PDB file of N, CA and C in Angstrom:
ATOM      1  N   MET A   1       8.428 -10.709  11.380  1.00  0.00           N
ATOM      2  CA  MET A   1       7.271 -10.741  12.231  1.00  0.00           C
ATOM      3  C   MET A   1       6.247  -9.687  11.784  1.00  0.00           C
ATOM      4  N   PHE A   2       6.719  -8.493  11.442  1.00  0.00           N
ATOM      5  CA  PHE A   2       5.819  -7.437  10.994  1.00  0.00           C
ATOM      6  C   PHE A   2       5.084  -7.853   9.725  1.00  0.00           C
ATOM      7  N   GLN A   3       5.833  -8.397   8.767  1.00  0.00           N
ATOM      8  CA  GLN A   3       5.211  -8.802   7.512  1.00  0.00           C
ATOM      9  C   GLN A   3       4.153  -9.878   7.742  1.00  0.00           C
ATOM     10  N   ARG A   4       4.480 -10.890   8.489  1.00  0.00           N
ATOM     11  CA  ARG A   4       3.555 -11.996   8.724  1.00  0.00           C
ATOM     12  C   ARG A   4       2.303 -11.516   9.458  1.00  0.00           C
ATOM     13  N   THR A   5       2.474 -10.697  10.472  1.00  0.00           N
ATOM     14  CA  THR A   5       1.338 -10.175  11.230  1.00  0.00           C
ATOM     15  C   THR A   5       0.436  -9.319  10.351  1.00  0.00           C
ATOM     16  N   THR A   6       1.054  -8.469   9.552  1.00  0.00           N
ATOM     17  CA  THR A   6       0.284  -7.607   8.650  1.00  0.00           C
ATOM     18  C   THR A   6      -0.474  -8.424   7.626  1.00  0.00           C
ATOM     19  N   GLU A   7       0.207  -9.379   6.999  1.00  0.00           N
ATOM     20  CA  GLU A   7      -0.438 -10.226   5.998  1.00  0.00           C
ATOM     21  C   GLU A   7      -1.598 -11.005   6.595  1.00  0.00           C
ATOM     22  N   ASP A   8      -1.413 -11.581   7.759  1.00  0.00           N
ATOM     23  CA  ASP A   8      -2.480 -12.345   8.410  1.00  0.00           C
ATOM     24  C   ASP A   8      -3.688 -11.478   8.717  1.00  0.00           C
ATOM     25  N   ALA A   9      -3.446 -10.298   9.245  1.00  0.00           N
ATOM     26  CA  ALA A   9      -4.557  -9.402   9.598  1.00  0.00           C
ATOM     27  C   ALA A   9      -5.306  -8.945   8.356  1.00  0.00           C
ATOM     28  N   LEU A  10      -4.594  -8.588   7.319  1.00  0.00           N
ATOM     29  CA  LEU A  10      -5.248  -8.101   6.108  1.00  0.00           C
ATOM     30  C   LEU A  10      -5.918  -9.226   5.322  1.00  0.00           C
ATOM     31  N   ARG A  11      -5.352 -10.423   5.357  1.00  0.00           N
ATOM     32  CA  ARG A  11      -5.956 -11.567   4.675  1.00  0.00           C
ATOM     33  C   ARG A  11      -7.360 -11.843   5.225  1.00  0.00           C
ATOM     34  N   ARG A  12      -7.538 -11.635   6.520  1.00  0.00           N
ATOM     35  CA  ARG A  12      -8.856 -11.884   7.138  1.00  0.00           C
ATOM     36  C   ARG A  12      -9.943 -10.965   6.602  1.00  0.00           C
ATOM     37  N   VAL A  13      -9.562  -9.827   6.045  1.00  0.00           N
ATOM     38  CA  VAL A  13     -10.553  -8.910   5.484  1.00  0.00           C
ATOM     39  C   VAL A  13     -10.469  -8.859   3.956  1.00  0.00           C
ATOM     40  N   GLY A  14      -9.812  -9.847   3.363  1.00  0.00           N
ATOM     41  CA  GLY A  14      -9.797  -9.979   1.918  1.00  0.00           C
ATOM     42  C   GLY A  14      -8.753  -9.168   1.180  1.00  0.00           C
ATOM     43  N   VAL A  15      -7.707  -8.714   1.874  1.00  0.00           N
ATOM     44  CA  VAL A  15      -6.663  -7.921   1.242  1.00  0.00           C
ATOM     45  C   VAL A  15      -5.443  -8.806   1.004  1.00  0.00           C
ATOM     46  N   ARG A  16      -4.921  -8.759  -0.208  1.00  0.00           N
ATOM     47  CA  ARG A  16      -3.711  -9.505  -0.566  1.00  0.00           C
ATOM     48  C   ARG A  16      -2.549  -8.521  -0.594  1.00  0.00           C
ATOM     49  N   VAL A  17      -1.487  -8.818   0.108  1.00  0.00           N
ATOM     50  CA  VAL A  17      -0.339  -7.924   0.248  1.00  0.00           C
ATOM     51  C   VAL A  17       0.796  -8.395  -0.656  1.00  0.00           C
ATOM     52  N   HIS A  18       1.404  -7.452  -1.364  1.00  0.00           N
ATOM     53  CA  HIS A  18       2.619  -7.702  -2.138  1.00  0.00           C
ATOM     54  C   HIS A  18       3.674  -6.727  -1.635  1.00  0.00           C
ATOM     55  N   TRP A  19       4.779  -7.247  -1.133  1.00  0.00           N
ATOM     56  CA  TRP A  19       5.833  -6.405  -0.594  1.00  0.00           C
ATOM     57  C   TRP A  19       6.813  -6.030  -1.686  1.00  0.00           C
ATOM     58  N   VAL A  20       7.286  -4.787  -1.658  1.00  0.00           N
ATOM     59  CA  VAL A  20       8.268  -4.295  -2.612  1.00  0.00           C
ATOM     60  C   VAL A  20       9.394  -3.635  -1.823  1.00  0.00           C
ATOM     61  N   GLU A  21      10.622  -4.022  -2.106  1.00  0.00           N
ATOM     62  CA  GLU A  21      11.758  -3.410  -1.446  1.00  0.00           C
ATOM     63  C   GLU A  21      12.072  -2.100  -2.152  1.00  0.00           C
ATOM     64  N   ASP A  22      11.880  -0.993  -1.466  1.00  0.00           N
ATOM     65  CA  ASP A  22      12.100   0.303  -2.099  1.00  0.00           C
ATOM     66  C   ASP A  22      12.972   1.224  -1.261  1.00  0.00           C
ATOM     67  N   TRP A  23      13.835   0.653  -0.445  1.00  0.00           N
ATOM     68  CA  TRP A  23      14.708   1.450   0.404  1.00  0.00           C
ATOM     69  C   TRP A  23      15.567   2.408  -0.415  1.00  0.00           C
ATOM     70  N   TYR A  24      16.245   1.899  -1.428  1.00  0.00           N
ATOM     71  CA  TYR A  24      17.145   2.751  -2.209  1.00  0.00           C
ATOM     72  C   TYR A  24      16.361   3.859  -2.906  1.00  0.00           C
ATOM     73  N   TYR A  25      15.258   3.509  -3.545  1.00  0.00           N
ATOM     74  CA  TYR A  25      14.475   4.529  -4.250  1.00  0.00           C
ATOM     75  C   TYR A  25      13.935   5.583  -3.290  1.00  0.00           C
ATOM     76  N   SER A  26      13.366   5.151  -2.186  1.00  0.00           N
ATOM     77  CA  SER A  26      12.711   6.099  -1.287  1.00  0.00           C
ATOM     78  C   SER A  26      13.690   6.947  -0.485  1.00  0.00           C
ATOM     79  N   HIS A  27      14.924   6.519  -0.388  1.00  0.00           N
ATOM     80  CA  HIS A  27      15.898   7.294   0.389  1.00  0.00           C
ATOM     81  C   HIS A  27      16.905   8.059  -0.461  1.00  0.00           C
ATOM     82  N   HIS A  28      17.052   7.701  -1.713  1.00  0.00           N
ATOM     83  CA  HIS A  28      18.101   8.341  -2.506  1.00  0.00           C
ATOM     84  C   HIS A  28      17.611   8.836  -3.864  1.00  0.00           C
ATOM     85  N   VAL A  29      16.794   8.073  -4.537  1.00  0.00           N
ATOM     86  CA  VAL A  29      16.457   8.390  -5.919  1.00  0.00           C
ATOM     87  C   VAL A  29      15.221   9.279  -6.017  1.00  0.00           C
ATOM     88  N   GLY A  30      14.115   8.839  -5.453  1.00  0.00           N
ATOM     89  CA  GLY A  30      12.849   9.504  -5.703  1.00  0.00           C
ATOM     90  C   GLY A  30      12.484  10.630  -4.763  1.00  0.00           C
ATOM     91  N   THR A  31      13.113  10.711  -3.605  1.00  0.00           N
ATOM     92  CA  THR A  31      12.652  11.698  -2.629  1.00  0.00           C
ATOM     93  C   THR A  31      13.752  12.597  -2.103  1.00  0.00           C
ATOM     94  N   ALA A  32      14.917  12.532  -2.681  1.00  0.00           N
ATOM     95  CA  ALA A  32      16.044  13.370  -2.240  1.00  0.00           C
ATOM     96  C   ALA A  32      16.278  13.253  -0.737  1.00  0.00           C
ATOM     97  N   GLY A  33      16.266  12.023  -0.232  1.00  0.00           N
ATOM     98  CA  GLY A  33      16.579  11.796   1.162  1.00  0.00           C
ATOM     99  C   GLY A  33      15.376  11.581   2.056  1.00  0.00           C
ATOM    100  N   GLY A  34      14.200  11.375   1.485  1.00  0.00           N
ATOM    101  CA  GLY A  34      12.997  11.143   2.276  1.00  0.00           C
ATOM    102  C   GLY A  34      12.991   9.754   2.887  1.00  0.00           C
ATOM    103  N   SER A  35      11.856   9.330   3.331  1.00  0.00           N
ATOM    104  CA  SER A  35      11.719   8.019   3.943  1.00  0.00           C
ATOM    105  C   SER A  35      10.708   7.205   3.168  1.00  0.00           C
ATOM    106  N   VAL A  36      10.567   5.934   3.546  1.00  0.00           N
ATOM    107  CA  VAL A  36       9.689   5.028   2.803  1.00  0.00           C
ATOM    108  C   VAL A  36       8.237   5.510   2.825  1.00  0.00           C
ATOM    109  N   HIS A  37       7.811   6.214   3.871  1.00  0.00           N
ATOM    110  CA  HIS A  37       6.434   6.698   3.903  1.00  0.00           C
ATOM    111  C   HIS A  37       6.172   7.735   2.818  1.00  0.00           C
ATOM    112  N   CYS A  38       7.237   8.316   2.280  1.00  0.00           N
ATOM    113  CA  CYS A  38       7.083   9.303   1.205  1.00  0.00           C
ATOM    114  C   CYS A  38       6.691   8.657  -0.119  1.00  0.00           C
ATOM    115  N   VAL A  39       6.934   7.363  -0.272  1.00  0.00           N
ATOM    116  CA  VAL A  39       6.660   6.700  -1.543  1.00  0.00           C
ATOM    117  C   VAL A  39       5.762   5.476  -1.388  1.00  0.00           C
ATOM    118  N   THR A  40       5.126   5.316  -0.248  1.00  0.00           N
ATOM    119  CA  THR A  40       4.234   4.174  -0.051  1.00  0.00           C
ATOM    120  C   THR A  40       3.063   4.297  -1.008  1.00  0.00           C
ATOM    121  N   ASN A  41       2.704   3.200  -1.640  1.00  0.00           N
ATOM    122  CA  ASN A  41       1.653   3.226  -2.631  1.00  0.00           C
ATOM    123  C   ASN A  41       0.750   2.013  -2.461  1.00  0.00           C
ATOM    124  N   VAL A  42      -0.465   2.153  -2.931  1.00  0.00           N
ATOM    125  CA  VAL A  42      -1.461   1.092  -2.815  1.00  0.00           C
ATOM    126  C   VAL A  42      -2.185   0.966  -4.137  1.00  0.00           C
ATOM    127  N   GLN A  43      -2.461  -0.254  -4.550  1.00  0.00           N
ATOM    128  CA  GLN A  43      -3.306  -0.496  -5.709  1.00  0.00           C
ATOM    129  C   GLN A  43      -4.586  -1.138  -5.212  1.00  0.00           C
ATOM    130  N   ARG A  44      -5.711  -0.654  -5.703  1.00  0.00           N
ATOM    131  CA  ARG A  44      -7.002  -1.186  -5.291  1.00  0.00           C
ATOM    132  C   ARG A  44      -7.862  -1.444  -6.524  1.00  0.00           C
ATOM    133  N   ASN A  45      -8.628  -2.512  -6.491  1.00  0.00           N
ATOM    134  CA  ASN A  45      -9.608  -2.779  -7.536  1.00  0.00           C
ATOM    135  C   ASN A  45     -10.947  -2.248  -7.037  1.00  0.00           C
ATOM    136  N   LEU A  46     -11.382  -1.143  -7.592  1.00  0.00           N
ATOM    137  CA  LEU A  46     -12.625  -0.504  -7.173  1.00  0.00           C
ATOM    138  C   LEU A  46     -13.740  -0.701  -8.195  1.00  0.00           C
ATOM    139  N   SER A  47     -13.579  -1.664  -9.096  1.00  0.00           N
ATOM    140  CA  SER A  47     -14.545  -1.852 -10.171  1.00  0.00           C
ATOM    141  C   SER A  47     -15.934  -2.223  -9.655  1.00  0.00           C
ATOM    142  N   GLY A  48     -16.042  -2.802  -8.487  1.00  0.00           N
ATOM    143  CA  GLY A  48     -17.352  -3.202  -7.952  1.00  0.00           C
ATOM    144  C   GLY A  48     -17.951  -2.201  -6.977  1.00  0.00           C
ATOM    145  N   THR A  49     -17.401  -1.008  -6.930  1.00  0.00           N
ATOM    146  CA  THR A  49     -17.883  -0.021  -5.965  1.00  0.00           C
ATOM    147  C   THR A  49     -18.538   1.164  -6.674  1.00  0.00           C
ATOM    148  N   THR A  50     -19.317   1.899  -5.939  1.00  0.00           N
ATOM    149  CA  THR A  50     -19.946   3.124  -6.448  1.00  0.00           C
ATOM    150  C   THR A  50     -19.118   4.310  -5.977  1.00  0.00           C
ATOM    151  N   PRO A  51     -18.753   5.220  -6.884  1.00  0.00           N
ATOM    152  CA  PRO A  51     -17.975   6.386  -6.454  1.00  0.00           C
ATOM    153  C   PRO A  51     -18.711   7.168  -5.354  1.00  0.00           C
ATOM    154  N   TRP A  52     -17.954   7.739  -4.430  1.00  0.00           N
ATOM    155  CA  TRP A  52     -18.554   8.440  -3.299  1.00  0.00           C
ATOM    156  C   TRP A  52     -19.436   9.585  -3.767  1.00  0.00           C
ATOM    157  N   TRP A  53     -19.126  10.195  -4.903  1.00  0.00           N
ATOM    158  CA  TRP A  53     -19.914  11.340  -5.371  1.00  0.00           C
ATOM    159  C   TRP A  53     -21.234  10.915  -6.016  1.00  0.00           C
ATOM    160  N   HIS A  54     -21.449   9.594  -6.214  1.00  0.00           N
ATOM    161  CA  HIS A  54     -22.712   9.087  -6.743  1.00  0.00           C
ATOM    162  C   HIS A  54     -23.595   8.496  -5.644  1.00  0.00           C
ATOM    163  N   GLN A  55     -23.081   8.405  -4.451  1.00  0.00           N
ATOM    164  CA  GLN A  55     -23.829   7.814  -3.345  1.00  0.00           C
ATOM    165  C   GLN A  55     -24.743   8.862  -2.713  1.00  0.00           C
ATOM    166  N   ALA A  56     -25.865   8.369  -2.169  1.00  0.00           N
ATOM    167  CA  ALA A  56     -26.835   9.276  -1.552  1.00  0.00           C
ATOM    168  C   ALA A  56     -26.323   9.837  -0.247  1.00  0.00           C
TER     169      ALA A  56
END
């Protein structure tokens, strides 16, 4: 239900979601016992935007 709701909401604003199962990595390998929020990552295509430091 969470995945479907999230995908539907983000699709309406042009965001495509790809889910990755990272329980083992985020809890044992990469964070020495951390949680999934410690390794959450996002990829964005910003090629059509102006960097904030160039904006008026």
